[in-house]
C-alpha atoms as a PDB file:
ATOM      1  CA  UNK A   1     -14.132 -27.318  -5.885  1.00  0.00           C
ATOM      2  CA  UNK A   2     -15.300 -24.294  -5.245  1.00  0.00           C
ATOM      3  CA  UNK A   3     -12.466 -21.277  -4.205  1.00  0.00           C
ATOM      4  CA  UNK A   4     -13.512 -18.157  -2.248  1.00  0.00           C
ATOM      5  CA  UNK A   5     -11.476 -15.058  -2.738  1.00  0.00           C
ATOM      6  CA  UNK A   6     -11.043 -13.756   1.078  1.00  0.00           C
ATOM      7  CA  UNK A   7      -8.729 -11.104   0.531  1.00  0.00           C
ATOM      8  CA  UNK A   8      -9.494  -8.136   2.680  1.00  0.00           C
ATOM      9  CA  UNK A   9     -10.492  -4.605   1.489  1.00  0.00           C
ATOM     10  CA  UNK A  10      -8.971  -1.369   2.109  1.00  0.00           C
ATOM     11  CA  UNK A  11     -12.530  -0.722   3.017  1.00  0.00           C
ATOM     12  CA  UNK A  12     -12.342  -3.967   5.650  1.00  0.00           C
ATOM     13  CA  UNK A  13      -9.409  -3.478   7.588  1.00  0.00           C
ATOM     14  CA  UNK A  14      -9.526   0.139   8.220  1.00  0.00           C
ATOM     15  CA  UNK A  15     -11.235  -0.216  11.378  1.00  0.00           C
ATOM     16  CA  UNK A  16      -8.893  -2.197  12.550  1.00  0.00           C
ATOM     17  CA  UNK A  17      -6.320   0.106  11.807  1.00  0.00           C
ATOM     18  CA  UNK A  18      -8.443   2.698  13.408  1.00  0.00           C
ATOM     19  CA  UNK A  19      -8.736   0.753  16.607  1.00  0.00           C
ATOM     20  CA  UNK A  20      -4.659   0.329  16.751  1.00  0.00           C
ATOM     21  CA  UNK A  21      -4.239   3.827  16.995  1.00  0.00           C
ATOM     22  CA  UNK A  22      -7.205   4.840  19.119  1.00  0.00           C
ATOM     23  CA  UNK A  23      -6.210   1.823  21.742  1.00  0.00           C
ATOM     24  CA  UNK A  24      -2.697   0.260  20.429  1.00  0.00           C
ATOM     25  CA  UNK A  25       0.432  -0.041  22.210  1.00  0.00           C
ATOM     26  CA  UNK A  26       2.982   2.380  20.680  1.00  0.00           C
ATOM     27  CA  UNK A  27       4.173  -0.380  18.139  1.00  0.00           C
ATOM     28  CA  UNK A  28       0.793  -0.795  17.402  1.00  0.00           C
ATOM     29  CA  UNK A  29       0.134   2.683  16.756  1.00  0.00           C
ATOM     30  CA  UNK A  30       2.921   3.353  14.334  1.00  0.00           C
ATOM     31  CA  UNK A  31       2.612   0.223  12.488  1.00  0.00           C
ATOM     32  CA  UNK A  32      -1.112   1.121  11.757  1.00  0.00           C
ATOM     33  CA  UNK A  33      -0.015   4.512  10.897  1.00  0.00           C
ATOM     34  CA  UNK A  34       2.731   3.465   8.319  1.00  0.00           C
ATOM     35  CA  UNK A  35       0.297   1.291   7.216  1.00  0.00           C
ATOM     36  CA  UNK A  36      -1.995   4.025   6.305  1.00  0.00           C
ATOM     37  CA  UNK A  37       0.372   6.344   4.813  1.00  0.00           C
ATOM     38  CA  UNK A  38       1.174   3.423   2.513  1.00  0.00           C
ATOM     39  CA  UNK A  39      -2.362   2.990   1.546  1.00  0.00           C
ATOM     40  CA  UNK A  40      -2.432   6.980   0.678  1.00  0.00           C
ATOM     41  CA  UNK A  41       0.806   6.851  -1.342  1.00  0.00           C
ATOM     42  CA  UNK A  42      -0.970   3.886  -3.507  1.00  0.00           C
ATOM     43  CA  UNK A  43      -4.552   5.747  -3.730  1.00  0.00           C
ATOM     44  CA  UNK A  44      -2.632   8.772  -4.867  1.00  0.00           C
ATOM     45  CA  UNK A  45      -1.245   6.817  -7.206  1.00  0.00           C
ATOM     46  CA  UNK A  46      -4.216   4.660  -8.578  1.00  0.00           C
ATOM     47  CA  UNK A  47      -5.705   8.676  -8.806  1.00  0.00           C
ATOM     48  CA  UNK A  48      -2.658  10.075 -10.353  1.00  0.00           C
ATOM     49  CA  UNK A  49      -3.187   7.042 -13.333  1.00  0.00           C
ATOM     50  CA  UNK A  50      -6.890   7.722 -13.551  1.00  0.00           C
ATOM     51  CA  UNK A  51      -6.295  11.319 -14.860  1.00  0.00           C
ATOM     52  CA  UNK A  52      -4.433   9.290 -17.651  1.00  0.00           C
ATOM     53  CA  UNK A  53      -7.400   7.139 -17.899  1.00  0.00           C
ATOM     54  CA  UNK A  54      -7.130   8.089 -21.775  1.00  0.00           C
ATOM     55  CA  UNK A  55      -4.814   5.694 -21.970  1.00  0.00           C
ATOM     56  CA  UNK A  56      -5.549   2.401 -23.325  1.00  0.00           C
ATOM     57  CA  UNK A  57      -4.143  -0.430 -21.638  1.00  0.00           C
ATOM     58  CA  UNK A  58      -3.432  -3.912 -23.533  1.00  0.00           C
ATOM     59  CA  UNK A  59      -6.470  -5.842 -21.835  1.00  0.00           C
ATOM     60  CA  UNK A  60      -9.281  -3.847 -19.490  1.00  0.00           C
ATOM     61  CA  UNK A  61      -7.946  -6.354 -16.179  1.00  0.00           C
ATOM     62  CA  UNK A  62      -3.933  -6.425 -17.004  1.00  0.00           C
ATOM     63  CA  UNK A  63      -1.908  -5.293 -16.148  1.00  0.00           C
ATOM     64  CA  UNK A  64      -3.310  -5.228 -12.476  1.00  0.00           C
ATOM     65  CA  UNK A  65      -4.882  -1.283 -11.674  1.00  0.00           C
ATOM     66  CA  UNK A  66      -2.232  -1.104  -8.616  1.00  0.00           C
ATOM     67  CA  UNK A  67       0.715  -1.697 -10.669  1.00  0.00           C
ATOM     68  CA  UNK A  68      -0.093   0.592 -13.261  1.00  0.00           C
ATOM     69  CA  UNK A  69       0.515   4.093 -11.766  1.00  0.00           C
ATOM     70  CA  UNK A  70       3.760   2.326 -11.492  1.00  0.00           C
ATOM     71  CA  UNK A  71       4.230   1.416 -14.490  1.00  0.00           C
ATOM     72  CA  UNK A  72       3.006   5.109 -16.327  1.00  0.00           C
ATOM     73  CA  UNK A  73       5.758   6.742 -13.756  1.00  0.00           C
ATOM     74  CA  UNK A  74       8.138   4.603 -15.218  1.00  0.00           C
ATOM     75  CA  UNK A  75       7.356   4.772 -18.681  1.00  0.00           C
ATOM     76  CA  UNK A  76       7.017   8.914 -18.195  1.00  0.00           C
ATOM     77  CA  UNK A  77      10.351   9.033 -16.148  1.00  0.00           C
ATOM     78  CA  UNK A  78      12.412   7.605 -19.010  1.00  0.00           C
ATOM     79  CA  UNK A  79      10.423   9.596 -21.421  1.00  0.00           C
ATOM     80  CA  UNK A  80      11.078  12.992 -19.963  1.00  0.00           C
ATOM     81  CA  UNK A  81      14.939  12.440 -20.350  1.00  0.00           C
ATOM     82  CA  UNK A  82      14.360  11.962 -24.153  1.00  0.00           C
ATOM     83  CA  UNK A  83      14.686   8.319 -24.904  1.00  0.00           C
ATOM     84  CA  UNK A  84      12.943   6.321 -26.458  1.00  0.00           C
ATOM     85  CA  UNK A  85      11.537   2.275 -25.153  1.00  0.00           C
ATOM     86  CA  UNK A  86      11.114  -0.929 -27.058  1.00  0.00           C
ATOM     87  CA  UNK A  87       8.702  -3.330 -25.525  1.00  0.00           C
ATOM     88  CA  UNK A  88       9.925  -6.927 -25.922  1.00  0.00           C
ATOM     89  CA  UNK A  89       7.585  -9.946 -25.274  1.00  0.00           C
ATOM     90  CA  UNK A  90       9.824 -13.250 -24.951  1.00  0.00           C
ATOM     91  CA  UNK A  91      12.394 -11.583 -27.116  1.00  0.00           C
ATOM     92  CA  UNK A  92       9.934 -10.606 -29.624  1.00  0.00           C
ATOM     93  CA  UNK A  93       9.715  -6.649 -30.107  1.00  0.00           C
ATOM     94  CA  UNK A  94       6.482  -5.443 -29.741  1.00  0.00           C
ATOM     95  CA  UNK A  95       7.064  -1.640 -30.220  1.00  0.00           C
ATOM     96  CA  UNK A  96      10.606  -0.362 -31.309  1.00  0.00           C
ATOM     97  CA  UNK A  97      11.840   2.858 -30.278  1.00  0.00           C
ATOM     98  CA  UNK A  98       8.872   4.352 -29.289  1.00  0.00           C
ATOM     99  CA  UNK A  99       8.652   8.099 -27.885  1.00  0.00           C
ATOM    100  CA  UNK A 100       4.896   7.808 -28.024  1.00  0.00           C
ATOM    101  CA  UNK A 101       3.415   7.527 -24.265  1.00  0.00           C
ATOM    102  CA  UNK A 102       0.295   5.933 -25.527  1.00  0.00           C
ATOM    103  CA  UNK A 103       1.521   3.472 -27.953  1.00  0.00           C
ATOM    104  CA  UNK A 104       4.283   2.161 -25.361  1.00  0.00           C
ATOM    105  CA  UNK A 105       1.123   1.652 -22.488  1.00  0.00           C
ATOM    106  CA  UNK A 106      -0.760   0.385 -25.060  1.00  0.00           C
ATOM    107  CA  UNK A 107       1.457  -2.747 -25.878  1.00  0.00           C
ATOM    108  CA  UNK A 108       2.730  -3.235 -22.099  1.00  0.00           C
ATOM    109  CA  UNK A 109       1.528  -6.903 -20.539  1.00  0.00           C
ATOM    110  CA  UNK A 110       0.481  -8.458 -23.384  1.00  0.00           C
ATOM    111  CA  UNK A 111       1.492 -11.756 -21.799  1.00  0.00           C
ATOM    112  CA  UNK A 112       3.480 -11.799 -17.736  1.00  0.00           C
ATOM    113  CA  UNK A 113       6.182 -10.178 -18.426  1.00  0.00           C
ATOM    114  CA  UNK A 114       7.902  -7.465 -20.796  1.00  0.00           C
ATOM    115  CA  UNK A 115      11.617  -5.584 -21.379  1.00  0.00           C
ATOM    116  CA  UNK A 116      11.911  -2.235 -21.748  1.00  0.00           C
ATOM    117  CA  UNK A 117      14.745  -1.276 -23.750  1.00  0.00           C
ATOM    118  CA  UNK A 118      16.420   2.412 -23.289  1.00  0.00           C
ATOM    119  CA  UNK A 119      17.085   2.942 -26.427  1.00  0.00           C
ATOM    120  CA  UNK A 120      21.195   1.427 -26.369  1.00  0.00           C
ATOM    121  CA  UNK A 121      21.189   2.176 -22.541  1.00  0.00           C
ATOM    122  CA  UNK A 122      19.889  -0.528 -20.121  1.00  0.00           C
ATOM    123  CA  UNK A 123      16.482  -1.915 -19.564  1.00  0.00           C
ATOM    124  CA  UNK A 124      13.771  -2.618 -17.185  1.00  0.00           C
ATOM    125  CA  UNK A 125      12.009  -6.273 -16.598  1.00  0.00           C
ATOM    126  CA  UNK A 126       8.725  -6.266 -15.877  1.00  0.00           C
ATOM    127  CA  UNK A 127       6.805  -9.395 -14.335  1.00  0.00           C
ATOM    128  CA  UNK A 128       2.894  -8.397 -13.959  1.00  0.00           C
ATOM    129  CA  UNK A 129       0.594  -9.747 -10.882  1.00  0.00           C
ATOM    130  CA  UNK A 130       3.994 -11.325  -9.037  1.00  0.00           C
ATOM    131  CA  UNK A 131       2.834 -10.262  -5.259  1.00  0.00           C
ATOM    132  CA  UNK A 132       2.627  -6.800  -5.957  1.00  0.00           C
ATOM    133  CA  UNK A 133      -1.092  -5.955  -4.301  1.00  0.00           C
ATOM    134  CA  UNK A 134       1.004  -4.801  -1.351  1.00  0.00           C
ATOM    135  CA  UNK A 135       4.232  -3.971  -2.754  1.00  0.00           C
ATOM    136  CA  UNK A 136       3.237  -2.194  -6.506  1.00  0.00           C
ATOM    137  CA  UNK A 137       6.880  -1.677  -7.060  1.00  0.00           C
ATOM    138  CA  UNK A 138       7.202  -5.375  -7.359  1.00  0.00           C
ATOM    139  CA  UNK A 139       6.525  -4.927 -11.079  1.00  0.00           C
ATOM    140  CA  UNK A 140      10.035  -4.418 -11.569  1.00  0.00           C
ATOM    141  CA  UNK A 141      11.972  -7.320 -11.130  1.00  0.00           C
ATOM    142  CA  UNK A 142      15.069  -5.637 -12.039  1.00  0.00           C
ATOM    143  CA  UNK A 143      17.199  -3.275 -14.014  1.00  0.00           C
ATOM    144  CA  UNK A 144      20.252  -2.646 -15.740  1.00  0.00           C
ATOM    145  CA  UNK A 145      22.666  -1.620 -13.123  1.00  0.00           C
ATOM    146  CA  UNK A 146      24.005   1.881 -14.552  1.00  0.00           C
ATOM    147  CA  UNK A 147      23.504   5.835 -13.903  1.00  0.00           C
ATOM    148  CA  UNK A 148      20.404   6.107 -15.760  1.00  0.00           C
ATOM    149  CA  UNK A 149      18.525   2.910 -14.905  1.00  0.00           C
ATOM    150  CA  UNK A 150      18.851   3.217 -10.887  1.00  0.00           C
ATOM    151  CA  UNK A 151      18.091   7.192 -11.671  1.00  0.00           C
ATOM    152  CA  UNK A 152      14.729   6.245 -12.861  1.00  0.00           C
ATOM    153  CA  UNK A 153      13.746   3.545 -10.662  1.00  0.00           C
ATOM    154  CA  UNK A 154      14.578   6.214  -7.665  1.00  0.00           C
ATOM    155  CA  UNK A 155      12.487   8.446  -9.435  1.00  0.00           C
ATOM    156  CA  UNK A 156       9.360   6.144  -9.333  1.00  0.00           C
ATOM    157  CA  UNK A 157      10.104   5.369  -5.710  1.00  0.00           C
ATOM    158  CA  UNK A 158      10.057   8.718  -5.086  1.00  0.00           C
ATOM    159  CA  UNK A 159       6.755   8.799  -6.666  1.00  0.00           C
ATOM    160  CA  UNK A 160       5.071   6.411  -5.077  1.00  0.00           C
ATOM    161  CA  UNK A 161       6.206   7.249  -1.666  1.00  0.00           C
ATOM    162  CA  UNK A 162       4.850  10.972  -2.175  1.00  0.00           C
END
């Protein structure tokens, strides 16, 4: 049986949003405008990630390109606070207590999920390609309930929304 990928492209749905803004109801105009802003934020995140393109991800196509800006923002937010990161794949350490951005990025997404341990101060659980194509923040499945992790998560959200 043949499978056809019918996922719309942003370029393909843009005319629908433009039409919604030009001749839609108030609610349609509001929804279309919000979606265009969301798409612009995601594009900005992608551009920011492209600036760091010299980073080598674990595989060319994984993690998905739309998750990379969030992952990069997360790792940078942790490192800028002076913490190190350990990356665990299914309870096996890939790297331990690294402060090297390139090394950390290179070791993410060798499987479907990772745990990022922040020194002894908490962790972030990542699940890749988990419905995140419409909301890249979904890659962060959960995190420790403490002030540090809350602060880092809030910063990543702000960067994703700016």
